[in-house]
Amino acid sequence: MPKDEIKKLLENSKKVLEQDQNNFENMIKDNLTSFKKKTLDQI
């Protein structure tokens, strides 16, 4: 594989990983918010 192809693949992988991380962080935040709301509703 030429260097350019490897570099392009690495850049694409980095973008995908960053997007996945952002999605995961947002999911965790949403879950925490939901959990807090449910807990407060129970009290």
N, C-alpha and C. Protein backbone atom coordinates (compact mmCIF):
# COMPACT_ATOMS: atom_id res chain seq x y z
N MET A 1 0.85 -1.19 0.00
CA MET A 1 0.00 0.00 0.00
C MET A 1 0.89 1.25 0.00
N PRO A 2 0.56 2.16 -0.87
CA PRO A 2 1.32 3.42 -0.85
C PRO A 2 1.06 4.21 0.42
N LYS A 3 2.01 5.06 0.72
CA LYS A 3 1.90 5.89 1.93
C LYS A 3 0.63 6.72 1.95
N ASP A 4 0.26 7.25 0.79
CA ASP A 4 -0.93 8.11 0.71
C ASP A 4 -2.19 7.37 1.12
N GLU A 5 -2.30 6.11 0.69
CA GLU A 5 -3.48 5.32 1.05
C GLU A 5 -3.54 5.07 2.55
N ILE A 6 -2.39 4.74 3.11
CA ILE A 6 -2.32 4.49 4.56
C ILE A 6 -2.69 5.75 5.33
N LYS A 7 -2.15 6.87 4.89
CA LYS A 7 -2.45 8.14 5.56
C LYS A 7 -3.94 8.46 5.48
N LYS A 8 -4.54 8.23 4.33
CA LYS A 8 -5.97 8.49 4.15
C LYS A 8 -6.80 7.57 5.04
N LEU A 9 -6.42 6.30 5.10
CA LEU A 9 -7.13 5.35 5.96
C LEU A 9 -7.04 5.75 7.43
N LEU A 10 -5.85 6.20 7.84
CA LEU A 10 -5.66 6.62 9.23
C LEU A 10 -6.51 7.85 9.55
N GLU A 11 -6.58 8.79 8.63
CA GLU A 11 -7.38 9.99 8.84
C GLU A 11 -8.87 9.64 8.94
N ASN A 12 -9.31 8.74 8.07
CA ASN A 12 -10.71 8.32 8.11
C ASN A 12 -11.02 7.59 9.41
N SER A 13 -10.11 6.75 9.83
CA SER A 13 -10.30 6.01 11.08
C SER A 13 -10.38 6.97 12.26
N LYS A 14 -9.53 7.97 12.24
CA LYS A 14 -9.53 8.96 13.32
C LYS A 14 -10.87 9.70 13.36
N LYS A 15 -11.38 10.09 12.21
CA LYS A 15 -12.66 10.79 12.16
C LYS A 15 -13.78 9.90 12.69
N VAL A 16 -13.78 8.64 12.30
CA VAL A 16 -14.81 7.71 12.75
C VAL A 16 -14.72 7.51 14.26
N LEU A 17 -13.52 7.36 14.78
CA LEU A 17 -13.33 7.16 16.22
C LEU A 17 -13.77 8.40 17.00
N GLU A 18 -13.46 9.57 16.50
CA GLU A 18 -13.87 10.80 17.18
C GLU A 18 -15.39 10.91 17.20
N GLN A 19 -16.03 10.57 16.09
CA GLN A 19 -17.49 10.63 16.03
C GLN A 19 -18.11 9.60 16.99
N ASP A 20 -17.54 8.41 17.02
CA ASP A 20 -18.02 7.38 17.94
C ASP A 20 -17.87 7.83 19.38
N GLN A 21 -16.75 8.47 19.69
CA GLN A 21 -16.53 8.95 21.06
C GLN A 21 -17.55 10.02 21.41
N ASN A 22 -17.80 10.94 20.50
CA ASN A 22 -18.79 11.98 20.75
C ASN A 22 -20.18 11.38 20.96
N ASN A 23 -20.53 10.41 20.14
CA ASN A 23 -21.83 9.76 20.28
C ASN A 23 -21.93 9.04 21.63
N PHE A 24 -20.85 8.39 22.02
CA PHE A 24 -20.84 7.67 23.29
C PHE A 24 -20.99 8.65 24.45
N GLU A 25 -20.24 9.77 24.39
CA GLU A 25 -20.33 10.78 25.46
C GLU A 25 -21.75 11.33 25.55
N ASN A 26 -22.35 11.61 24.43
CA ASN A 26 -23.72 12.13 24.43
C ASN A 26 -24.70 11.11 24.98
N MET A 27 -24.49 9.84 24.63
CA MET A 27 -25.37 8.80 25.14
C MET A 27 -25.26 8.71 26.66
N ILE A 28 -24.04 8.75 27.19
CA ILE A 28 -23.83 8.69 28.64
C ILE A 28 -24.50 9.89 29.31
N LYS A 29 -24.31 11.09 28.75
CA LYS A 29 -24.93 12.28 29.33
C LYS A 29 -26.45 12.16 29.33
N ASP A 30 -27.01 11.68 28.24
CA ASP A 30 -28.46 11.51 28.16
C ASP A 30 -28.96 10.49 29.18
N ASN A 31 -28.21 9.41 29.32
CA ASN A 31 -28.59 8.39 30.30
C ASN A 31 -28.53 8.94 31.72
N LEU A 32 -27.51 9.72 32.02
CA LEU A 32 -27.40 10.30 33.35
C LEU A 32 -28.55 11.26 33.62
N THR A 33 -28.87 12.08 32.63
CA THR A 33 -29.97 13.02 32.78
C THR A 33 -31.28 12.27 33.01
N SER A 34 -31.48 11.24 32.23
CA SER A 34 -32.69 10.43 32.37
C SER A 34 -32.75 9.78 33.75
N PHE A 35 -31.62 9.25 34.19
CA PHE A 35 -31.56 8.60 35.50
C PHE A 35 -31.86 9.59 36.62
N LYS A 36 -31.27 10.79 36.52
CA LYS A 36 -31.52 11.82 37.53
C LYS A 36 -33.00 12.18 37.58
N LYS A 37 -33.58 12.33 36.41
CA LYS A 37 -35.00 12.70 36.34
C LYS A 37 -35.87 11.60 36.95
N LYS A 38 -35.59 10.36 36.62
CA LYS A 38 -36.37 9.24 37.17
C LYS A 38 -36.22 9.18 38.68
N THR A 39 -34.99 9.39 39.14
CA THR A 39 -34.73 9.34 40.59
C THR A 39 -35.48 10.46 41.30
N LEU A 40 -35.44 11.65 40.74
CA LEU A 40 -36.15 12.78 41.36
C LEU A 40 -37.66 12.57 41.32
N ASP A 41 -38.15 11.96 40.28
CA ASP A 41 -39.59 11.69 40.18
C ASP A 41 -40.02 10.69 41.24
N GLN A 42 -39.16 9.79 41.60
CA GLN A 42 -39.49 8.77 42.60
C GLN A 42 -39.52 9.37 44.00
N ILE A 43 -38.74 10.41 44.20
CA ILE A 43 -38.63 11.00 45.55
C ILE A 43 -39.84 11.81 45.91
